[in-house]
Amino acid sequence: MKTATVLLAAGLVLSSVEAMAQSTTLETALAKSVAAVETAVADGRIPGAVMVVSVDGKVLIERAFGYAHLNDFDMKRLPAPRAMEVSTIFDAASVTKVMASTMAIMILADQGKVEVDAPVYAYLPKFRGADLDKITVRHLLNHTSGLVQWQPLYYQAANKDETFEAIRKMPLQWPVGEGFHYSDLGFMLLGMIVEQASGKPLDTFINNALYAPLGLKSTGFLPKARGLSNFAVTESGNGYERHMVYGPDFGYGYKGDPASWNGWRDYVFDGEVDDGNAWYANGGVAGHAGLFSTGPELRRLLELLLNHGVADGRKYLRAETVDLFLKPDAHLGWRQPENMPADSFAHTGFTGTYVLGVPQAKLAFVLLTNRQNVGADAKGYFTDVAPLQEAAARPLLEVLLP
């Protein structure tokens, strides 16, 4: 008994020492992550950022950096820039695809209202044709539908119905299932499938089914209409998309007459979705863009997936559904980040947003930047924040997954 007691005590001491060592190492890793973001702000690559990190549901850091609004329309520094706060609300851009549309499809799949291998026309009956008949919900989710990647649909559409018709009539750019070709148009269709399968608009359905029950106050579409404020500003007008339309060698190219539409916004976007197809063609609510959220609330959504669909003791999704959508090497909706464990899932947004989940490490990582408020470079491009995302996340993974 005495020997056993000594061994037990030694084991407890060893566990305590190991825990302290890991804590110290993790603290060092967090310091490296913070330093990477601080340097990006100090160098002027981004105006500001919010970083939120949790491991196994325990928040390790919630930190704001720099400014939510630094420059005016002409990229001149404001006399009194507005500081970034942890509660600042960001235009999530394409993070909408996973945190709104994919989540909604997961819930509907759980309810038996959507089958991922069913043809799109099962939910959108007018989506028919020799090639269109082959496209399934899964094709839309994993970007293998063959649909055109991007076009300024607002040149021919001013509402959701007209947007659908424009997509339906557009010839496919690749054979169905041929390979991965990232498509905003596919996720617009997914948003429409959510509406048809649930009987409610995408924003209403996902709020009622997920955001509100989770207690998320800032996550949703059309934030100003919901009385919210304190946004991270984004672009000064739609200069980037205008360049895509008028510059044949910039972006995806537009084959129509650029001068046939001229509804461009000419002010700094502050709580208004940057994406033109979301704003001009879909009224601010679309399956590919339009969601707004905060770092802490996006972390909550990541943790829901890491915890197999359960939050605060409530089951929002069956574990089987989470596994289906996050299956290694075959993610639905989500992207598998390079140089990370196969079960990792992530997504970026054009405005400078990033969310990452790493099940093996029980890690939820959120890094939101408002990169557009420092303007574009001489070639018309905004700061590439991919290296920053890597630099901030990598130290944590090196500790959690040695």
Protein backbone atom coordinates (compact mmCIF):
# COMPACT_ATOMS: atom_id res chain seq x y z
CA MET A 1 0.00 0.00 0.00
CA LYS A 2 2.80 2.38 0.96
CA THR A 3 4.61 1.70 -2.34
CA ALA A 4 1.41 2.20 -4.29
CA THR A 5 0.78 5.49 -2.50
CA VAL A 6 4.28 6.71 -3.32
CA LEU A 7 3.89 5.72 -6.97
CA LEU A 8 0.52 7.47 -7.14
CA ALA A 9 1.97 10.60 -5.59
CA ALA A 10 4.89 10.50 -8.01
CA GLY A 11 2.48 10.12 -10.89
CA LEU A 12 0.47 13.11 -9.74
CA VAL A 13 3.63 15.20 -9.44
CA LEU A 14 4.77 14.09 -12.90
CA SER A 15 1.36 14.92 -14.39
CA SER A 16 1.47 18.31 -12.73
CA VAL A 17 4.96 19.01 -14.03
CA GLU A 18 3.98 17.92 -17.55
CA ALA A 19 0.88 20.09 -17.41
CA MET A 20 2.94 23.07 -16.28
CA ALA A 21 5.48 22.47 -19.04
CA GLN A 22 2.78 22.22 -21.69
CA SER A 23 1.12 25.35 -20.31
CA THR A 24 4.40 27.25 -20.52
CA THR A 25 5.03 26.00 -24.05
CA LEU A 26 1.50 26.91 -25.13
CA GLU A 27 1.95 30.34 -23.61
CA THR A 28 5.09 30.77 -25.68
CA ALA A 29 3.25 29.63 -28.80
CA LEU A 30 0.45 32.13 -28.16
CA ALA A 31 3.05 34.86 -27.75
CA LYS A 32 4.43 33.98 -31.21
CA SER A 33 0.92 34.09 -32.68
CA VAL A 34 0.25 37.47 -31.11
CA ALA A 35 3.60 38.81 -32.30
CA ALA A 36 2.81 37.78 -35.89
CA VAL A 37 -0.43 39.78 -35.85
CA GLU A 38 1.13 42.75 -34.05
CA THR A 39 3.88 42.89 -36.68
CA ALA A 40 1.35 42.82 -39.54
CA VAL A 41 -0.46 45.79 -37.97
CA ALA A 42 2.76 47.68 -37.22
CA ASP A 43 4.01 47.15 -40.79
CA GLY A 44 0.76 48.54 -42.20
CA ARG A 45 -0.20 45.32 -43.96
CA ILE A 46 -3.54 45.31 -42.14
CA PRO A 47 -5.32 48.03 -40.13
CA GLY A 48 -6.43 45.65 -37.40
CA ALA A 49 -7.47 42.16 -36.39
CA VAL A 50 -9.22 39.99 -33.84
CA MET A 51 -7.75 36.63 -32.86
CA VAL A 52 -9.63 34.05 -30.79
CA VAL A 53 -8.21 30.66 -29.81
CA SER A 54 -9.68 27.84 -27.77
CA VAL A 55 -8.52 24.30 -27.01
CA ASP A 56 -11.01 21.68 -25.87
CA GLY A 57 -13.59 24.39 -25.34
CA LYS A 58 -11.35 26.51 -23.10
CA VAL A 59 -10.65 30.00 -24.43
CA LEU A 60 -6.92 30.71 -24.40
CA ILE A 61 -7.01 34.15 -25.92
CA GLU A 62 -9.44 36.77 -27.20
CA ARG A 63 -7.41 39.69 -28.47
CA ALA A 64 -8.04 42.77 -30.59
CA PHE A 65 -5.28 44.57 -32.52
CA GLY A 66 -5.09 47.92 -34.27
CA TYR A 67 -8.08 49.67 -35.76
CA ALA A 68 -11.54 48.78 -37.03
CA HIS A 69 -11.58 51.97 -39.12
CA LEU A 70 -8.21 53.52 -39.92
CA ASN A 71 -8.49 55.24 -43.32
CA ASP A 72 -11.09 57.28 -45.17
CA PHE A 73 -12.37 56.61 -48.71
CA ASP A 74 -9.15 57.96 -50.24
CA MET A 75 -6.96 55.89 -47.88
CA LYS A 76 -5.96 58.91 -45.82
CA ARG A 77 -5.61 58.24 -42.10
CA LEU A 78 -8.57 59.42 -40.05
CA PRO A 79 -7.91 62.11 -37.42
CA ALA A 80 -9.29 59.72 -34.80
CA PRO A 81 -9.19 56.11 -36.02
CA ARG A 82 -11.65 53.76 -34.32
CA ALA A 83 -9.94 51.05 -32.30
CA MET A 84 -10.60 47.38 -32.91
CA GLU A 85 -12.43 45.52 -30.15
CA VAL A 86 -12.97 41.82 -29.52
CA SER A 87 -16.69 42.51 -30.04
CA THR A 88 -16.15 44.22 -33.41
CA ILE A 89 -18.37 42.72 -36.12
CA PHE A 90 -16.76 41.61 -39.39
CA ASP A 91 -18.05 41.02 -42.89
CA ALA A 92 -17.30 37.27 -43.01
CA ALA A 93 -17.31 37.18 -46.83
CA SER A 94 -16.87 33.57 -48.03
CA VAL A 95 -16.82 32.26 -44.47
CA THR A 96 -20.57 32.60 -45.08
CA LYS A 97 -20.28 29.46 -47.19
CA VAL A 98 -19.45 27.31 -44.17
CA MET A 99 -20.88 29.15 -41.18
CA ALA A 100 -24.26 29.80 -42.82
CA SER A 101 -24.97 27.73 -45.94
CA THR A 102 -23.08 24.54 -45.05
CA MET A 103 -24.35 24.64 -41.47
CA ALA A 104 -27.90 25.07 -42.77
CA ILE A 105 -27.56 22.15 -45.18
CA MET A 106 -26.18 20.02 -42.32
CA ILE A 107 -29.20 20.80 -40.16
CA LEU A 108 -31.60 20.05 -43.01
CA ALA A 109 -29.78 16.80 -43.74
CA ASP A 110 -30.20 15.92 -40.06
CA GLN A 111 -33.91 16.59 -40.41
CA GLY A 112 -34.18 14.42 -43.52
CA LYS A 113 -35.15 17.41 -45.66
CA VAL A 114 -31.99 17.44 -47.81
CA GLU A 115 -30.02 14.52 -49.21
CA VAL A 116 -26.51 15.46 -50.25
CA ASP A 117 -26.50 13.03 -53.17
CA ALA A 118 -29.87 14.14 -54.52
CA PRO A 119 -29.94 16.20 -57.74
CA VAL A 120 -30.27 19.93 -57.33
CA TYR A 121 -33.55 19.84 -59.28
CA ALA A 122 -35.11 17.84 -56.43
CA TYR A 123 -35.18 21.13 -54.52
CA LEU A 124 -35.04 23.66 -57.37
CA PRO A 125 -37.36 22.05 -59.98
CA LYS A 126 -36.50 24.54 -62.73
CA PHE A 127 -32.83 23.64 -62.56
CA ARG A 128 -33.08 21.14 -65.41
CA GLY A 129 -31.09 20.33 -68.53
CA ALA A 130 -28.86 17.64 -69.96
CA ASP A 131 -25.91 18.81 -67.84
CA LEU A 132 -27.80 20.43 -64.98
CA ASP A 133 -29.64 17.19 -64.21
CA LYS A 134 -26.30 15.61 -63.26
CA ILE A 135 -25.46 18.19 -60.59
CA THR A 136 -26.10 17.09 -57.00
CA VAL A 137 -26.05 18.94 -53.70
CA ARG A 138 -22.70 17.27 -53.01
CA HIS A 139 -21.28 18.72 -56.25
CA LEU A 140 -22.25 22.20 -55.07
CA LEU A 141 -20.75 21.65 -51.62
CA ASN A 142 -17.40 20.40 -52.86
CA HIS A 143 -17.15 22.73 -55.88
CA THR A 144 -17.22 20.02 -58.54
CA SER A 145 -20.46 21.08 -60.26
CA GLY A 146 -18.73 22.59 -63.29
CA LEU A 147 -20.57 25.88 -62.74
CA VAL A 148 -18.88 29.15 -63.65
CA GLN A 149 -16.76 30.36 -60.75
CA TRP A 150 -17.73 34.05 -60.77
CA GLN A 151 -19.52 36.57 -62.92
CA PRO A 152 -21.08 39.95 -62.01
CA LEU A 153 -24.64 38.63 -61.94
CA TYR A 154 -25.90 42.09 -60.98
CA TYR A 155 -25.45 43.08 -64.62
CA GLN A 156 -28.53 40.97 -65.32
CA ALA A 157 -30.13 40.34 -61.91
CA ALA A 158 -31.50 42.59 -59.18
CA ASN A 159 -33.11 39.97 -56.94
CA LYS A 160 -32.87 36.31 -55.97
CA ASP A 161 -35.24 35.00 -58.65
CA GLU A 162 -33.38 36.81 -61.41
CA THR A 163 -30.10 35.54 -59.96
CA PHE A 164 -31.37 31.96 -60.16
CA GLU A 165 -32.41 32.41 -63.79
CA ALA A 166 -29.02 33.89 -64.68
CA ILE A 167 -27.20 30.91 -63.15
CA ARG A 168 -29.61 28.39 -64.68
CA LYS A 169 -29.11 29.75 -68.19
CA MET A 170 -25.34 30.06 -67.95
CA PRO A 171 -23.45 27.25 -69.74
CA LEU A 172 -21.24 25.11 -67.52
CA GLN A 173 -17.55 25.92 -67.62
CA TRP A 174 -16.41 22.33 -66.96
CA PRO A 175 -17.97 18.84 -67.11
CA VAL A 176 -19.92 17.92 -63.97
CA GLY A 177 -17.66 16.18 -61.46
CA GLU A 178 -14.49 16.76 -63.48
CA GLY A 179 -12.59 18.43 -60.66
CA PHE A 180 -12.47 21.17 -58.05
CA HIS A 181 -13.38 24.62 -59.37
CA TYR A 182 -14.32 27.02 -56.57
CA SER A 183 -17.69 28.56 -57.44
CA ASP A 184 -19.64 31.34 -55.76
CA LEU A 185 -22.56 30.49 -58.03
CA GLY A 186 -22.81 26.99 -56.58
CA PHE A 187 -23.18 28.35 -53.06
CA MET A 188 -25.80 30.84 -54.18
CA LEU A 189 -27.80 27.81 -55.30
CA LEU A 190 -27.22 26.14 -51.92
CA GLY A 191 -28.72 29.17 -50.21
CA MET A 192 -31.76 28.80 -52.45
CA ILE A 193 -31.97 25.07 -51.66
CA VAL A 194 -32.06 25.94 -47.94
CA GLU A 195 -35.00 28.23 -48.59
CA GLN A 196 -36.93 25.68 -50.63
CA ALA A 197 -36.26 22.78 -48.25
CA SER A 198 -37.01 24.72 -45.07
CA GLY A 199 -39.73 27.04 -46.30
CA LYS A 200 -37.82 30.02 -44.88
CA PRO A 201 -35.20 32.42 -46.26
CA LEU A 202 -31.62 31.40 -45.53
CA ASP A 203 -31.05 34.15 -42.97
CA THR A 204 -34.26 33.39 -41.07
CA PHE A 205 -33.76 29.64 -41.07
CA ILE A 206 -30.16 29.59 -39.86
CA ASN A 207 -30.87 32.19 -37.19
CA ASN A 208 -33.88 30.31 -35.82
CA ALA A 209 -32.26 26.88 -36.07
CA LEU A 210 -28.77 27.72 -34.83
CA TYR A 211 -27.62 31.25 -34.08
CA ALA A 212 -30.41 32.31 -31.71
CA PRO A 213 -30.51 29.01 -29.75
CA LEU A 214 -26.70 29.23 -29.33
CA GLY A 215 -27.11 32.75 -27.96
CA LEU A 216 -25.25 34.43 -30.81
CA LYS A 217 -26.21 38.10 -30.87
CA SER A 218 -24.01 39.47 -33.64
CA THR A 219 -24.00 36.63 -36.18
CA GLY A 220 -26.36 37.00 -39.10
CA PHE A 221 -27.13 38.87 -42.30
CA LEU A 222 -28.04 42.55 -42.82
CA PRO A 223 -26.63 43.64 -39.45
CA LYS A 224 -27.67 47.29 -39.69
CA ALA A 225 -31.28 46.24 -40.22
CA ARG A 226 -30.95 44.32 -36.95
CA GLY A 227 -29.78 47.44 -35.13
CA LEU A 228 -26.14 46.40 -34.78
CA SER A 229 -23.10 48.68 -34.92
CA ASN A 230 -19.32 48.58 -34.28
CA PHE A 231 -18.17 47.09 -37.57
CA ALA A 232 -14.74 46.56 -39.07
CA VAL A 233 -14.92 48.60 -42.27
CA THR A 234 -13.87 46.96 -45.51
CA GLU A 235 -13.54 48.37 -49.01
CA SER A 236 -13.90 51.89 -50.40
CA GLY A 237 -16.56 51.15 -52.99
CA ASN A 238 -16.40 48.04 -55.18
CA GLY A 239 -13.14 49.02 -56.86
CA TYR A 240 -11.85 45.46 -56.89
CA GLU A 241 -14.94 44.03 -58.62
CA ARG A 242 -15.03 46.97 -61.00
CA HIS A 243 -11.46 46.08 -61.93
CA MET A 244 -12.58 42.47 -62.45
CA VAL A 245 -15.27 43.67 -64.85
CA TYR A 246 -13.28 46.29 -66.74
CA GLY A 247 -9.93 44.49 -66.69
CA PRO A 248 -10.11 41.40 -68.95
CA ASP A 249 -6.91 40.00 -67.45
CA PHE A 250 -7.88 40.65 -63.81
CA GLY A 251 -9.85 38.03 -61.91
CA TYR A 252 -12.21 35.83 -63.88
CA GLY A 253 -12.93 38.27 -66.70
CA TYR A 254 -16.29 39.60 -67.89
CA LYS A 255 -17.29 39.01 -71.50
CA GLY A 256 -20.19 41.47 -71.56
CA ASP A 257 -20.26 45.24 -71.92
CA PRO A 258 -18.82 46.74 -68.69
CA ALA A 259 -20.64 50.02 -69.31
CA SER A 260 -24.09 48.38 -69.48
CA TRP A 261 -24.52 48.71 -65.69
CA ASN A 262 -23.28 51.45 -63.40
CA GLY A 263 -24.74 50.98 -59.94
CA TRP A 264 -21.37 50.89 -58.17
CA ARG A 265 -21.21 52.07 -54.57
CA ASP A 266 -18.79 54.93 -53.89
CA TYR A 267 -18.36 54.97 -50.10
CA VAL A 268 -16.56 53.03 -47.39
CA PHE A 269 -18.46 49.87 -46.48
CA ASP A 270 -19.29 49.98 -42.78
CA GLY A 271 -21.71 47.17 -41.89
CA GLU A 272 -22.66 46.57 -45.53
CA VAL A 273 -21.55 43.40 -47.32
CA ASP A 274 -18.62 44.00 -49.66
CA ASP A 275 -19.49 41.28 -52.18
CA GLY A 276 -21.30 42.72 -55.21
CA ASN A 277 -23.35 39.64 -56.05
CA ALA A 278 -24.56 39.43 -52.46
CA TRP A 279 -25.45 43.13 -52.25
CA TYR A 280 -26.62 44.15 -55.73
CA ALA A 281 -28.16 40.89 -56.93
CA ASN A 282 -29.41 39.29 -53.71
CA GLY A 283 -30.30 42.11 -51.33
CA GLY A 284 -27.51 41.30 -48.88
CA VAL A 285 -28.54 37.69 -48.19
CA ALA A 286 -26.88 34.97 -50.25
CA GLY A 287 -25.41 31.52 -49.82
CA HIS A 288 -21.89 32.57 -50.76
CA ALA A 289 -21.49 35.86 -48.86
CA GLY A 290 -23.34 38.30 -46.63
CA LEU A 291 -22.83 36.87 -43.14
CA PHE A 292 -21.47 39.12 -40.38
CA SER A 293 -20.04 37.86 -37.10
CA THR A 294 -17.46 38.33 -34.35
CA GLY A 295 -14.40 36.34 -33.38
CA PRO A 296 -15.91 34.87 -30.20
CA GLU A 297 -19.13 33.84 -31.97
CA LEU A 298 -17.31 32.18 -34.87
CA ARG A 299 -15.27 30.32 -32.26
CA ARG A 300 -18.52 29.02 -30.75
CA LEU A 301 -19.59 27.65 -34.14
CA LEU A 302 -16.23 25.95 -34.64
CA GLU A 303 -16.48 24.36 -31.21
CA LEU A 304 -19.93 23.01 -32.07
CA LEU A 305 -18.36 21.02 -34.89
CA LEU A 306 -15.34 19.98 -32.83
CA ASN A 307 -17.76 18.70 -30.18
CA HIS A 308 -19.65 16.56 -32.74
CA GLY A 309 -22.72 18.80 -32.92
CA VAL A 310 -23.24 19.41 -29.20
CA ALA A 311 -23.07 22.75 -27.38
CA ASP A 312 -24.06 23.52 -23.79
CA GLY A 313 -25.50 20.02 -23.46
CA ARG A 314 -27.83 20.46 -26.44
CA LYS A 315 -27.49 18.41 -29.60
CA TYR A 316 -27.78 20.59 -32.70
CA LEU A 317 -26.40 18.01 -35.13
CA ARG A 318 -25.96 14.26 -35.05
CA ALA A 319 -22.35 13.14 -34.83
CA GLU A 320 -22.89 11.12 -38.02
CA THR A 321 -23.80 14.28 -39.90
CA VAL A 322 -20.74 16.14 -38.62
CA ASP A 323 -18.56 13.19 -39.62
CA LEU A 324 -20.11 13.13 -43.10
CA PHE A 325 -19.33 16.78 -43.76
CA LEU A 326 -15.89 16.79 -42.13
CA LYS A 327 -14.66 13.45 -43.40
CA PRO A 328 -10.87 13.71 -43.95
CA ASP A 329 -9.92 14.33 -47.58
CA ALA A 330 -13.59 14.66 -48.53
CA HIS A 331 -14.89 17.75 -46.73
CA LEU A 332 -18.29 19.08 -47.78
CA GLY A 333 -18.41 22.87 -47.85
CA TRP A 334 -15.18 23.18 -45.92
CA ARG A 335 -11.61 23.25 -47.26
CA GLN A 336 -8.80 21.06 -45.99
CA PRO A 337 -5.87 23.40 -45.22
CA GLU A 338 -2.45 22.50 -46.57
CA ASN A 339 0.25 21.12 -44.31
CA MET A 340 -2.15 20.35 -41.50
CA PRO A 341 -3.74 17.12 -40.17
CA ALA A 342 -6.13 15.50 -42.64
CA ASP A 343 -9.13 16.06 -40.39
CA SER A 344 -8.51 19.82 -40.20
CA PHE A 345 -11.16 22.05 -41.74
CA ALA A 346 -10.92 25.71 -42.61
CA HIS A 347 -12.23 28.52 -44.77
CA THR A 348 -11.15 32.00 -45.72
CA GLY A 349 -13.09 35.11 -46.68
CA PHE A 350 -12.11 37.76 -49.24
CA THR A 351 -12.34 40.57 -46.69
CA GLY A 352 -9.52 38.93 -44.71
CA THR A 353 -11.34 36.44 -42.48
CA TYR A 354 -10.19 32.95 -41.47
CA VAL A 355 -11.62 30.10 -39.40
CA LEU A 356 -9.83 26.82 -38.63
CA GLY A 357 -10.77 23.70 -36.72
CA VAL A 358 -8.28 20.94 -35.90
CA PRO A 359 -10.05 17.99 -34.23
CA GLN A 360 -6.81 16.18 -33.30
CA ALA A 361 -5.71 19.21 -31.31
CA LYS A 362 -9.25 20.17 -30.22
CA LEU A 363 -8.28 23.58 -31.58
CA ALA A 364 -10.65 26.34 -32.68
CA PHE A 365 -8.76 29.21 -34.31
CA VAL A 366 -10.27 32.45 -35.61
CA LEU A 367 -8.32 35.30 -37.18
CA LEU A 368 -10.33 38.18 -38.60
CA THR A 369 -8.70 41.12 -40.39
CA ASN A 370 -10.05 44.16 -42.21
CA ARG A 371 -7.26 44.14 -44.78
CA GLN A 372 -9.17 46.20 -47.34
CA ASN A 373 -9.06 49.38 -45.24
CA VAL A 374 -5.40 49.91 -46.17
CA GLY A 375 -6.31 49.87 -49.85
CA ALA A 376 -5.01 47.85 -52.79
CA ASP A 377 -1.48 47.81 -54.17
CA ALA A 378 -0.39 49.24 -57.52
CA LYS A 379 -1.65 46.12 -59.31
CA GLY A 380 -5.05 46.31 -57.63
CA TYR A 381 -4.62 43.53 -55.09
CA PHE A 382 -5.26 43.65 -51.35
CA THR A 383 -2.73 42.40 -48.79
CA ASP A 384 -2.26 38.64 -48.97
CA VAL A 385 -3.11 37.52 -45.42
CA ALA A 386 -2.51 33.80 -46.03
CA PRO A 387 1.07 34.01 -44.71
CA LEU A 388 -0.23 35.77 -41.59
CA GLN A 389 -2.87 33.10 -41.04
CA GLU A 390 -0.17 30.43 -41.28
CA ALA A 391 2.24 32.33 -39.03
CA ALA A 392 -0.40 32.80 -36.34
CA ALA A 393 -1.79 29.25 -36.35
CA ARG A 394 1.40 27.23 -36.88
CA PRO A 395 3.05 27.82 -33.44
CA LEU A 396 -0.06 26.48 -31.73
CA LEU A 397 -0.14 23.33 -33.82
CA GLU A 398 3.54 22.70 -33.21
CA VAL A 399 2.80 22.56 -29.48
CA LEU A 400 -0.53 20.77 -29.60
CA LEU A 401 0.55 18.24 -32.24
CA PRO A 402 4.31 17.79 -31.78
